[in-house]
Amino acid sequence: MSPQTFRVHVDPEKCQGHNRCYSVSPDLFDLDDLGMSSEVGDGLVPTGLAGQARLAVENCPEQAISLAEVTP
């Protein structure tokens, strides 16, 4: 059985710039000049960082982050 692959996404309409996602996982999120977050690249979560992605989802007070399984 192959490991699951996930994609993280930040909804720019909901993000309020709390930066909790970036604090939890700077490898998965970027901040712009105003402190608003976005996913790095295409949002694909590298192997081993799924736990950090889930933690970022759980810690976003605006519920602006989603995590979806990518089907091959």
Protein backbone atom coordinates (compact mmCIF):
# COMPACT_ATOMS: atom_id res chain seq x y z
CA MET A 1 0.00 0.00 0.00
CA SER A 2 1.47 3.37 -1.02
CA PRO A 3 1.49 6.36 1.34
CA GLN A 4 -1.32 8.87 1.04
CA THR A 5 -0.66 12.10 -0.81
CA PHE A 6 -2.29 15.35 0.31
CA ARG A 7 -2.72 18.87 -0.99
CA VAL A 8 -3.12 21.84 1.34
CA HIS A 9 -5.00 25.00 0.34
CA VAL A 10 -5.45 28.41 1.97
CA ASP A 11 -8.67 30.26 1.14
CA PRO A 12 -7.51 33.87 0.62
CA GLU A 13 -11.03 35.15 1.34
CA LYS A 14 -10.94 33.64 4.85
CA CYS A 15 -7.29 34.17 5.82
CA GLN A 16 -6.89 36.98 8.35
CA GLY A 17 -3.11 36.76 8.74
CA HIS A 18 -2.86 35.07 12.14
CA ASN A 19 0.11 33.09 10.74
CA ARG A 20 -0.49 30.05 12.93
CA CYS A 21 -0.13 27.81 9.87
CA TYR A 22 3.27 29.29 9.09
CA SER A 23 4.34 28.92 12.73
CA VAL A 24 3.40 25.23 12.67
CA SER A 25 4.82 24.43 9.25
CA PRO A 26 6.88 27.05 7.39
CA ASP A 27 7.71 24.37 4.79
CA LEU A 28 4.08 24.28 3.64
CA PHE A 29 3.07 27.96 3.79
CA ASP A 30 4.31 31.31 2.50
CA LEU A 31 3.47 34.77 3.82
CA ASP A 32 3.00 37.82 1.64
CA ASP A 33 4.05 41.39 2.55
CA LEU A 34 0.80 41.88 4.47
CA GLY A 35 1.21 38.66 6.46
CA MET A 36 -1.45 36.73 4.57
CA SER A 37 -0.77 33.06 4.08
CA SER A 38 -0.79 30.89 0.97
CA GLU A 39 0.29 27.36 0.24
CA VAL A 40 3.80 26.79 -1.09
CA GLY A 41 3.79 25.97 -4.81
CA ASP A 42 0.88 23.75 -5.83
CA GLY A 43 0.13 22.85 -2.20
CA LEU A 44 1.34 19.27 -2.49
CA VAL A 45 2.34 18.06 0.98
CA PRO A 46 5.72 16.30 0.98
CA THR A 47 5.91 12.82 2.50
CA GLY A 48 6.31 13.13 6.23
CA LEU A 49 4.64 16.53 6.58
CA ALA A 50 1.00 15.39 6.61
CA GLY A 51 0.91 15.68 10.41
CA GLN A 52 2.09 19.29 10.24
CA ALA A 53 -0.52 20.02 7.57
CA ARG A 54 -3.27 18.59 9.80
CA LEU A 55 -1.99 20.65 12.73
CA ALA A 56 -2.12 23.79 10.59
CA VAL A 57 -5.74 23.03 9.62
CA GLU A 58 -6.67 22.50 13.29
CA ASN A 59 -4.93 25.70 14.43
CA CYS A 60 -6.43 28.12 11.91
CA PRO A 61 -8.97 30.26 13.81
CA GLU A 62 -10.63 31.31 10.55
CA GLN A 63 -10.86 27.75 9.16
CA ALA A 64 -9.16 29.05 6.03
CA ILE A 65 -7.01 25.95 5.46
CA SER A 66 -8.22 22.75 3.84
CA LEU A 67 -6.42 19.46 3.37
CA ALA A 68 -7.52 17.05 0.67
CA GLU A 69 -6.28 13.62 -0.29
CA VAL A 70 -4.91 13.51 -3.82
CA THR A 71 -6.02 10.49 -5.79
CA PRO A 72 -3.53 9.11 -8.29
